Amino acid sequence: MEKLRDMWQGQVQRLRDMRDDWRADLAAGSYGVKSLIAALIVYLLVAFGFGIYWSSEPEQFSVRDTMAQTYGADDKVTGVAVTGTLIEVGDTLLTKRGGFLSNDIFPPGVWLDNIPNWEYGVLIQMRDLSKAMREAFSRSQSQSTEDSALALAESRFNFDHDSWAVPASESEYKEGLKYLRDYQKRLMDEDRHNAQFFARADNLRYWLNTVETRLGSLSQRLSASVGQRRLNVDLAGEERASQSTQTPREMVIKTPWFEIDDVFYEARGSTWALIHFLKAVEEDFADVLARKNALVSLQQIIRELEATQQTVYSPMILNGSGFGMLANHSLVMASYISRANAAIIDLRELLAQG
């Protein structure tokens, strides 16, 4: 009887020990979950802070100071300003606060919206200028051979901007900058003649034509923030013109409300890059502009575009109606861009004159 009782008590004690062990494990697990939740909250708060810090747009840099620091005050090699500025803009795109954010897949980069659109606007201008350098600035005539480094640089800049791996967008753009530096080095070497930059009026007009279409598109997209009824003028001015499919005579064009800030910051980035490129053109094409008496026209374009970089004090991009109670930041931006675009059209016509 005593043996049976001892066995029973031993079995009960083992069950109690198992219960205590289970409770201890449960308590430890609960502590681990709480620690994990606390760590996640801290991470999200830190990521939120970095997101705010990374959302600041880079300041403008001085084209002349950058050229003087890099190449020396006495270097006046034609093409150095445009090439060096394109490289500096690319470096800024990749090394600004937070680096290149368009292809981020983790917080805080994945949360951000405005800066990736700003980056895309800068990238579009880089692509256009690198294309002009390959097709026009570096070639003496249409039958001349293109520079291989510029061809490779252009292809790298046209890589997808949202690829995060194999390869990452940043690696491709860094390769493009490496090829630009190779071209730049050969450009400045007086003993080598396999790299040239031809500052001619027709070459400048070629690039400005691309700039004109880009700014015209941005102006239309910004103006569509309030919605407009537009007549179809696609075939205006040509009696025998035709198009692939028929379109309505009158259309309502309106940018979706969730894309308003996307277009706005893309325009901010595009004009930021364009300001620097035009200042570089002012250096490399100084003789051409002076001969056409067009220097002041270029400077006025730069001034109009600089107005697009004013500080936005509102915490969000407002989309009030044209004459409503609230401001419409998109229409203000479109006004500056439209004036700059009109001035570019006039500058192209001036450069075309004998």
Protein backbone atom coordinates (compact mmCIF):
# COMPACT_ATOMS: atom_id res chain seq x y z
CA MET A 1 0.00 0.00 0.00
CA GLU A 2 2.82 2.38 0.87
CA LYS A 3 4.62 1.52 -2.38
CA LEU A 4 1.49 2.30 -4.37
CA ARG A 5 1.12 5.60 -2.55
CA ASP A 6 4.77 6.50 -3.17
CA MET A 7 4.37 5.68 -6.85
CA TRP A 8 1.27 7.84 -7.04
CA GLN A 9 2.96 10.77 -5.32
CA GLY A 10 5.99 10.41 -7.59
CA GLN A 11 3.77 10.49 -10.66
CA VAL A 12 1.95 13.57 -9.36
CA GLN A 13 5.27 15.29 -8.68
CA ARG A 14 6.48 14.58 -12.20
CA LEU A 15 3.28 16.08 -13.58
CA ARG A 16 3.78 19.16 -11.39
CA ASP A 17 7.38 19.47 -12.63
CA MET A 18 6.19 19.23 -16.23
CA ARG A 19 3.57 21.91 -15.52
CA ASP A 20 6.18 24.22 -13.98
CA ASP A 21 8.53 23.67 -16.91
CA TRP A 22 5.71 24.44 -19.34
CA ARG A 23 4.83 27.63 -17.46
CA ALA A 24 8.49 28.70 -17.49
CA ASP A 25 8.76 28.04 -21.22
CA LEU A 26 5.54 29.96 -21.82
CA ALA A 27 6.79 32.91 -19.77
CA ALA A 28 10.08 32.94 -21.68
CA GLY A 29 8.24 32.77 -24.99
CA SER A 30 5.97 35.62 -23.98
CA TYR A 31 9.01 37.67 -23.04
CA GLY A 32 10.57 36.87 -26.42
CA VAL A 33 7.43 37.99 -28.29
CA LYS A 34 7.31 41.21 -26.30
CA SER A 35 10.99 41.83 -27.04
CA LEU A 36 10.39 41.19 -30.72
CA ILE A 37 7.44 43.61 -30.79
CA ALA A 38 9.45 46.26 -28.93
CA ALA A 39 12.39 45.86 -31.33
CA LEU A 40 10.03 46.15 -34.30
CA ILE A 41 8.49 49.35 -32.93
CA VAL A 42 11.95 50.86 -32.35
CA TYR A 43 12.99 49.88 -35.88
CA LEU A 44 9.90 51.46 -37.41
CA LEU A 45 10.43 54.68 -35.43
CA VAL A 46 14.08 54.87 -36.48
CA ALA A 47 13.10 54.12 -40.09
CA PHE A 48 10.47 56.86 -39.93
CA GLY A 49 13.11 59.34 -38.74
CA PHE A 50 15.50 58.33 -41.50
CA GLY A 51 12.65 58.59 -44.00
CA ILE A 52 12.11 62.23 -43.05
CA TYR A 53 15.86 62.90 -43.24
CA TRP A 54 16.20 61.20 -46.62
CA SER A 55 13.24 63.11 -48.08
CA SER A 56 15.25 66.34 -48.36
CA GLU A 57 16.19 67.22 -51.93
CA PRO A 58 19.88 67.94 -52.64
CA GLU A 59 21.00 71.54 -52.88
CA GLN A 60 22.17 72.97 -56.18
CA PHE A 61 25.92 72.94 -56.72
CA SER A 62 28.05 75.53 -58.50
CA VAL A 63 29.08 74.35 -61.95
CA ARG A 64 31.99 76.78 -62.12
CA ASP A 65 33.28 75.88 -58.65
CA THR A 66 33.04 72.18 -59.41
CA MET A 67 34.97 72.62 -62.64
CA ALA A 68 37.62 74.76 -60.96
CA GLN A 69 38.14 72.31 -58.10
CA THR A 70 38.32 69.30 -60.40
CA TYR A 71 40.22 70.60 -63.40
CA GLY A 72 41.92 73.81 -62.34
CA ALA A 73 41.02 77.39 -63.09
CA ASP A 74 43.10 77.49 -66.30
CA ASP A 75 41.53 74.50 -68.00
CA LYS A 76 39.19 75.65 -70.75
CA VAL A 77 38.81 72.47 -72.75
CA THR A 78 35.57 72.54 -74.71
CA GLY A 79 33.14 69.94 -73.38
CA VAL A 80 34.65 69.69 -69.91
CA ALA A 81 31.83 71.66 -68.29
CA VAL A 82 28.99 69.61 -69.83
CA THR A 83 30.70 66.25 -69.27
CA GLY A 84 31.80 67.10 -65.73
CA THR A 85 28.37 68.42 -64.80
CA LEU A 86 26.68 65.28 -66.09
CA ILE A 87 29.06 63.23 -63.93
CA GLU A 88 28.45 65.44 -60.88
CA VAL A 89 24.68 65.22 -61.29
CA GLY A 90 24.97 61.42 -61.54
CA ASP A 91 27.16 61.27 -58.44
CA THR A 92 24.66 63.42 -56.53
CA LEU A 93 21.83 61.14 -57.62
CA LEU A 94 23.63 58.09 -56.19
CA THR A 95 25.27 59.58 -53.07
CA LYS A 96 22.69 62.03 -51.72
CA ARG A 97 20.97 61.38 -48.38
CA GLY A 98 19.84 57.78 -48.36
CA GLY A 99 21.54 57.06 -51.68
CA PHE A 100 19.45 55.93 -54.63
CA LEU A 101 15.98 55.10 -53.29
CA SER A 102 13.90 54.19 -56.34
CA ASN A 103 14.70 50.48 -56.07
CA ASP A 104 14.56 50.08 -52.26
CA ILE A 105 12.47 47.15 -51.02
CA PHE A 106 12.82 47.73 -47.26
CA PRO A 107 11.76 50.60 -44.97
CA PRO A 108 12.19 53.47 -45.00
CA GLY A 109 13.02 53.63 -48.72
CA VAL A 110 10.04 51.51 -49.75
CA TRP A 111 7.71 53.96 -47.97
CA LEU A 112 9.05 57.04 -49.70
CA ASP A 113 7.33 58.40 -52.76
CA ASN A 114 8.46 61.94 -53.50
CA ILE A 115 12.23 61.43 -53.67
CA PRO A 116 12.03 58.39 -56.01
CA ASN A 117 9.97 60.51 -58.41
CA TRP A 118 12.53 63.31 -58.04
CA GLU A 119 15.24 60.78 -58.91
CA TYR A 120 13.32 59.68 -62.00
CA GLY A 121 13.10 63.28 -63.23
CA VAL A 122 16.88 63.70 -62.82
CA LEU A 123 17.50 60.38 -64.56
CA ILE A 124 15.38 61.36 -67.57
CA GLN A 125 17.47 64.51 -68.11
CA MET A 126 20.69 62.48 -67.74
CA ARG A 127 19.47 60.05 -70.38
CA ASP A 128 18.59 62.85 -72.80
CA LEU A 129 21.92 64.62 -72.39
CA SER A 130 23.97 61.42 -72.68
CA LYS A 131 22.07 60.62 -75.89
CA ALA A 132 22.82 64.08 -77.27
CA MET A 133 26.49 63.69 -76.36
CA ARG A 134 26.69 60.38 -78.21
CA GLU A 135 24.72 61.44 -81.26
CA ALA A 136 25.67 65.12 -81.66
CA PHE A 137 28.16 66.76 -79.31
CA SER A 138 30.94 64.20 -79.85
CA ARG A 139 30.51 63.83 -83.63
CA SER A 140 31.63 66.24 -86.33
CA GLN A 141 29.03 65.08 -88.86
CA SER A 142 26.31 62.49 -89.34
CA GLN A 143 28.69 59.96 -90.97
CA SER A 144 31.36 60.16 -88.26
CA THR A 145 31.95 57.34 -85.79
CA GLU A 146 30.33 57.60 -82.37
CA ASP A 147 32.45 57.49 -79.23
CA SER A 148 32.33 53.96 -77.79
CA ALA A 149 32.50 55.13 -74.15
CA LEU A 150 29.56 57.49 -74.64
CA ALA A 151 27.57 54.72 -76.31
CA LEU A 152 28.19 52.43 -73.32
CA ALA A 153 27.37 55.22 -70.86
CA GLU A 154 24.04 55.93 -72.55
CA SER A 155 23.04 52.27 -72.47
CA ARG A 156 23.82 52.07 -68.75
CA PHE A 157 21.74 55.15 -67.92
CA ASN A 158 18.78 53.64 -69.77
CA PHE A 159 18.72 50.63 -67.43
CA ASP A 160 15.54 50.17 -65.34
CA HIS A 161 15.52 52.52 -62.36
CA ASP A 162 13.71 50.12 -60.02
CA SER A 163 15.89 47.01 -60.28
CA TRP A 164 17.18 46.09 -56.81
CA ALA A 165 19.34 43.06 -57.67
CA VAL A 166 21.17 41.18 -60.44
CA PRO A 167 22.09 43.81 -61.40
CA ALA A 168 21.04 46.69 -59.18
CA SER A 169 20.24 50.01 -60.82
CA GLU A 170 23.03 51.74 -58.89
CA SER A 171 25.69 49.41 -60.28
CA GLU A 172 24.59 50.11 -63.85
CA TYR A 173 24.57 53.87 -63.33
CA LYS A 174 28.01 53.74 -61.70
CA GLU A 175 29.24 51.90 -64.78
CA GLY A 176 27.79 54.69 -66.93
CA LEU A 177 29.64 57.31 -64.89
CA LYS A 178 32.85 55.29 -65.26
CA TYR A 179 32.54 55.43 -69.05
CA LEU A 180 31.86 59.18 -68.89
CA ARG A 181 35.03 59.67 -66.87
CA ASP A 182 36.95 57.71 -69.50
CA TYR A 183 35.61 60.02 -72.22
CA GLN A 184 36.37 63.03 -70.05
CA LYS A 185 39.95 61.90 -69.47
CA ARG A 186 40.56 61.44 -73.20
CA LEU A 187 38.87 64.76 -73.90
CA MET A 188 41.42 66.61 -71.78
CA ASP A 189 44.47 64.73 -73.06
CA GLU A 190 46.13 66.91 -75.72
CA ASP A 191 48.22 63.96 -76.92
CA ARG A 192 45.18 61.89 -77.77
CA HIS A 193 42.67 62.89 -80.41
CA ASN A 194 40.12 60.07 -80.16
CA ALA A 195 37.65 62.10 -78.09
CA GLN A 196 36.11 65.38 -79.19
CA PHE A 197 33.30 67.72 -78.17
CA PHE A 198 31.98 70.02 -80.89
CA ALA A 199 30.31 73.16 -79.53
CA ARG A 200 28.23 74.14 -82.56
CA ALA A 201 24.88 75.86 -82.82
CA ASP A 202 23.26 72.91 -84.62
CA ASN A 203 24.41 70.48 -81.91
CA LEU A 204 22.98 72.70 -79.20
CA ARG A 205 19.70 73.00 -81.09
CA TYR A 206 19.52 69.20 -81.32
CA TRP A 207 19.63 68.82 -77.53
CA LEU A 208 17.36 71.82 -76.87
CA ASN A 209 14.73 70.23 -79.10
CA THR A 210 14.63 67.24 -76.73
CA VAL A 211 14.51 69.55 -73.71
CA GLU A 212 11.61 71.42 -75.30
CA THR A 213 9.52 68.28 -75.72
CA ARG A 214 10.28 67.12 -72.18
CA LEU A 215 9.27 70.42 -70.63
CA GLY A 216 6.17 70.60 -72.80
CA SER A 217 5.05 67.18 -71.58
CA LEU A 218 5.71 68.09 -67.94
CA SER A 219 3.77 71.33 -68.32
CA GLN A 220 0.75 69.50 -69.75
CA ARG A 221 0.80 66.84 -67.03
CA LEU A 222 1.10 69.44 -64.29
CA SER A 223 -1.75 71.52 -65.75
CA ALA A 224 -3.98 68.45 -65.87
CA SER A 225 -4.03 68.39 -62.06
CA VAL A 226 -7.31 70.35 -62.10
CA GLY A 227 -8.77 68.62 -65.13
CA GLN A 228 -9.26 70.25 -68.51
CA ARG A 229 -11.49 69.84 -71.53
CA ARG A 230 -9.12 69.89 -74.50
CA LEU A 231 -9.81 69.92 -78.19
CA ASN A 232 -7.91 67.32 -80.18
CA VAL A 233 -5.23 69.19 -82.16
CA ASP A 234 -3.12 66.14 -83.01
CA LEU A 235 -3.58 66.63 -86.77
CA ALA A 236 -3.91 70.41 -86.81
CA GLY A 237 -1.98 72.24 -89.52
CA GLU A 238 -1.70 69.32 -91.94
CA GLU A 239 -4.51 68.64 -94.41
CA ARG A 240 -3.40 65.15 -95.41
CA ALA A 241 -2.16 64.00 -92.03
CA SER A 242 -3.48 60.74 -90.57
CA GLN A 243 -3.12 58.70 -87.41
CA SER A 244 -3.39 55.04 -86.43
CA THR A 245 -6.79 55.12 -84.68
CA GLN A 246 -9.53 57.72 -84.37
CA THR A 247 -9.66 59.78 -81.18
CA PRO A 248 -12.47 61.97 -79.82
CA ARG A 249 -12.65 65.57 -81.00
CA GLU A 250 -12.82 66.73 -77.37
CA MET A 251 -11.31 64.99 -74.35
CA VAL A 252 -11.23 65.51 -70.58
CA ILE A 253 -7.66 65.28 -69.29
CA LYS A 254 -7.12 64.96 -65.55
CA THR A 255 -4.23 63.59 -63.51
CA PRO A 256 -5.45 61.12 -60.84
CA TRP A 257 -5.28 62.66 -57.37
CA PHE A 258 -2.83 60.01 -56.10
CA GLU A 259 -0.38 60.93 -58.90
CA ILE A 260 -0.39 64.70 -58.33
CA ASP A 261 2.67 64.70 -56.07
CA ASP A 262 4.42 62.14 -58.30
CA VAL A 263 4.29 64.45 -61.31
CA PHE A 264 5.21 67.47 -59.19
CA TYR A 265 8.39 65.91 -57.78
CA GLU A 266 9.35 64.42 -61.13
CA ALA A 267 9.20 67.96 -62.49
CA ARG A 268 11.29 69.21 -59.54
CA GLY A 269 13.98 66.63 -60.24
CA SER A 270 13.94 67.21 -63.98
CA THR A 271 14.31 70.98 -63.65
CA TRP A 272 16.98 70.59 -60.94
CA ALA A 273 19.17 68.61 -63.32
CA LEU A 274 18.35 70.87 -66.27
CA ILE A 275 19.47 73.99 -64.40
CA HIS A 276 22.95 72.50 -63.99
CA PHE A 277 23.14 71.29 -67.59
CA LEU A 278 22.16 74.71 -68.95
CA LYS A 279 24.79 76.39 -66.76
CA ALA A 280 27.35 73.97 -68.19
CA VAL A 281 26.16 74.80 -71.71
CA GLU A 282 26.69 78.46 -70.84
CA GLU A 283 30.37 77.62 -70.26
CA ASP A 284 31.08 75.30 -73.19
CA PHE A 285 28.98 77.14 -75.78
CA ALA A 286 29.94 80.63 -74.65
CA ASP A 287 31.39 81.65 -78.05
CA VAL A 288 28.39 80.28 -79.96
CA LEU A 289 25.93 82.06 -77.69
CA ALA A 290 27.90 85.30 -77.83
CA ARG A 291 28.05 85.19 -81.63
CA LYS A 292 24.27 84.73 -81.77
CA ASN A 293 23.76 87.31 -78.99
CA ALA A 294 21.82 84.59 -77.17
CA LEU A 295 23.62 84.44 -73.83
CA VAL A 296 21.02 86.56 -72.03
CA SER A 297 18.26 84.35 -73.45
CA LEU A 298 19.89 81.27 -71.93
CA GLN A 299 20.37 83.04 -68.61
CA GLN A 300 16.68 83.96 -68.53
CA ILE A 301 15.74 80.30 -69.07
CA ILE A 302 17.94 79.32 -66.15
CA ARG A 303 16.32 81.99 -63.98
CA GLU A 304 12.82 80.72 -64.82
CA LEU A 305 13.83 77.17 -63.94
CA GLU A 306 15.48 78.22 -60.69
CA ALA A 307 12.09 79.46 -59.54
CA THR A 308 10.86 75.84 -59.63
CA GLN A 309 13.31 74.98 -56.84
CA GLN A 310 11.81 77.26 -54.21
CA THR A 311 11.07 75.68 -50.84
CA VAL A 312 7.71 73.93 -50.57
CA TYR A 313 6.42 74.92 -47.13
CA SER A 314 3.23 72.88 -47.32
CA PRO A 315 3.48 69.37 -45.80
CA MET A 316 1.69 68.04 -48.88
CA ILE A 317 1.23 69.07 -52.51
CA LEU A 318 -2.07 70.93 -52.63
CA ASN A 319 -4.42 70.49 -55.54
CA GLY A 320 -6.87 73.35 -55.24
CA SER A 321 -8.91 74.46 -58.23
CA GLY A 322 -7.51 77.14 -60.50
CA PHE A 323 -9.15 80.07 -58.67
CA GLY A 324 -10.28 78.25 -55.53
CA MET A 325 -9.58 78.75 -51.84
CA LEU A 326 -6.51 76.49 -51.77
CA ALA A 327 -3.29 76.77 -53.71
CA ASN A 328 -2.47 74.45 -56.58
CA HIS A 329 1.27 73.77 -56.50
CA SER A 330 1.16 71.91 -59.81
CA LEU A 331 -0.20 74.95 -61.66
CA VAL A 332 2.50 77.17 -60.15
CA MET A 333 5.17 74.71 -61.28
CA ALA A 334 3.57 74.47 -64.73
CA SER A 335 3.68 78.27 -65.04
CA TYR A 336 7.46 78.42 -64.49
CA ILE A 337 8.11 75.46 -66.79
CA SER A 338 5.89 76.86 -69.55
CA ARG A 339 7.72 80.19 -69.51
CA ALA A 340 11.08 78.41 -69.64
CA ASN A 341 9.85 76.22 -72.47
CA ALA A 342 8.68 79.22 -74.49
CA ALA A 343 12.09 80.81 -74.00
CA ILE A 344 13.80 77.62 -75.21
CA ILE A 345 11.70 77.69 -78.38
CA ASP A 346 12.83 81.28 -78.99
CA LEU A 347 16.45 80.33 -78.28
CA ARG A 348 16.34 77.48 -80.79
CA GLU A 349 14.99 79.82 -83.46
CA LEU A 350 17.69 82.35 -82.65
CA LEU A 351 20.41 79.70 -82.96
CA ALA A 352 19.00 78.64 -86.35
CA GLN A 353 19.48 82.11 -87.78
CA GLY A 354 22.63 82.84 -89.76
